[in-house]
Protein backbone atom coordinates (compact mmCIF):
# COMPACT_ATOMS: atom_id res chain seq x y z
CA MET A 1 -20.94 168.21 245.41
CA GLU A 2 -20.97 168.41 249.19
CA THR A 3 -19.98 165.35 251.22
CA VAL A 4 -21.82 164.82 254.50
CA ASP A 5 -19.58 162.07 255.91
CA ALA A 6 -15.81 162.04 256.08
CA ILE A 7 -14.19 159.30 254.05
CA PRO A 8 -13.25 156.56 256.51
CA GLU A 9 -9.53 156.10 257.00
CA SER A 10 -9.65 152.93 259.11
CA TYR A 11 -11.52 149.66 258.92
CA GLU A 12 -13.33 150.51 262.17
CA GLU A 13 -14.46 153.89 260.83
CA ALA A 14 -15.66 152.22 257.63
CA GLU A 15 -17.64 149.66 259.62
CA ARG A 16 -19.33 152.35 261.76
CA LEU A 17 -20.18 154.44 258.70
CA LEU A 18 -21.57 151.52 256.71
CA VAL A 19 -23.69 150.37 259.66
CA ARG A 20 -25.07 153.89 260.06
CA TRP A 21 -25.81 154.20 256.33
CA HIS A 22 -27.70 150.90 256.40
CA ALA A 23 -29.46 151.21 259.76
CA GLU A 24 -30.58 154.81 260.20
CA GLY A 25 -34.08 155.13 258.84
CA GLY A 26 -34.24 151.37 258.25
CA PRO A 27 -36.62 148.83 259.74
CA THR A 28 -37.44 149.53 263.39
CA ASP A 29 -36.59 145.94 264.37
CA LEU A 30 -33.23 145.93 262.54
CA VAL A 31 -30.30 144.17 264.23
CA VAL A 32 -26.88 144.28 262.55
CA TYR A 33 -23.94 141.96 263.19
CA SER A 34 -20.39 142.52 262.00
CA PHE A 35 -18.07 139.70 260.97
CA PRO A 36 -14.60 141.27 260.86
CA ASP A 37 -12.14 139.80 258.41
CA VAL A 38 -8.55 139.40 259.59
CA PRO A 39 -6.86 141.44 256.84
CA HIS A 40 -9.45 144.23 257.37
CA GLU A 41 -10.19 144.51 253.66
CA THR A 42 -13.94 143.85 253.60
CA VAL A 43 -16.58 145.14 256.02
CA ARG A 44 -18.96 142.17 256.41
CA LEU A 45 -22.45 142.60 257.86
CA VAL A 46 -25.54 140.49 258.42
CA GLU A 47 -28.71 142.54 258.82
CA VAL A 48 -31.68 140.88 260.51
CA SER A 49 -35.29 142.11 260.25
CA ASN A 50 -38.83 140.83 259.82
CA GLU A 51 -39.09 143.14 256.82
CA PHE A 52 -36.70 140.99 254.75
CA ALA A 53 -37.93 138.12 252.59
CA ALA A 54 -36.87 134.65 253.70
CA THR A 55 -34.53 132.97 251.22
CA GLY A 56 -33.31 129.97 253.21
CA ALA A 57 -29.70 131.05 252.70
CA ILE A 58 -27.28 133.72 253.88
CA ARG A 59 -25.96 135.22 250.63
CA PRO A 60 -24.07 138.49 250.81
CA MET A 61 -24.05 141.18 248.17
CA THR A 62 -20.48 142.41 247.82
CA PHE A 63 -19.29 145.78 246.54
CA GLY A 64 -15.80 146.97 245.68
CA ARG A 65 -14.02 150.01 246.98
CA SER A 66 -15.19 153.48 245.96
CA ALA A 67 -14.20 157.09 246.49
CA GLU A 68 -16.61 157.29 249.45
CA MET A 69 -15.81 153.84 250.88
CA PRO A 70 -12.16 152.75 250.50
CA PHE A 71 -12.97 149.24 251.79
CA ARG A 72 -14.91 146.45 250.15
CA SER A 73 -18.30 145.77 251.75
CA SER A 74 -20.37 142.62 251.90
CA THR A 75 -23.88 142.56 253.38
CA ALA A 76 -26.37 139.72 253.78
CA LEU A 77 -30.01 140.00 254.84
CA ALA A 78 -31.81 137.50 257.06
CA THR A 79 -35.12 137.10 258.80
CA PRO A 80 -35.09 136.53 262.57
CA GLU A 81 -36.00 132.88 261.91
CA GLU A 82 -33.07 132.45 259.51
CA TRP A 83 -30.76 134.09 262.05
CA GLU A 84 -31.95 131.63 264.71
CA GLN A 85 -31.07 128.81 262.29
CA VAL A 86 -27.59 130.30 261.83
CA GLU A 87 -27.06 130.48 265.59
CA ALA A 88 -28.30 126.89 265.96
CA GLY A 89 -25.91 125.67 263.25
CA ARG A 90 -28.68 124.67 260.82
CA LEU A 91 -27.98 127.43 258.30
CA SER A 92 -24.48 128.29 257.13
CA LEU A 93 -22.79 131.63 256.91
CA PRO A 94 -20.68 132.44 253.85
CA PRO A 95 -17.23 130.80 253.82
CA GLY A 96 -14.81 132.60 256.14
CA TRP A 97 -17.54 134.30 258.19
CA ASP A 98 -16.97 133.05 261.74
CA LEU A 99 -20.08 133.04 263.95
CA ALA A 100 -17.92 133.11 267.08
CA ALA A 101 -16.27 136.35 265.91
CA ARG A 102 -19.54 138.20 265.30
CA ARG A 103 -20.28 141.46 267.07
CA ARG A 104 -23.66 143.10 267.39
CA VAL A 105 -23.19 146.62 266.04
CA TRP A 106 -26.79 147.88 265.80
CA PRO A 107 -28.68 148.82 267.89
């Protein structure tokens, strides 16, 4: 089996690869934010798009390490309206996800 992407060796490489996997070919209005964790064990993303169903909560789906991704990953989906509520402090992020530490990583 041929591998297209190199296996990431650093947290930063893993974040870039995961963002690319999720964003390329995705919704045209997609915005992705990263919420780095201090021990650099889990790549945490919030993806925002009008194509996602509103749930009224920011609940990530978390996956363990794999041969292709040697870091845990945790991704939550939000509508633009839900994201506005997060930024206004009316909707909470998962525990340990610091809004002040977020970085926009796509586009």
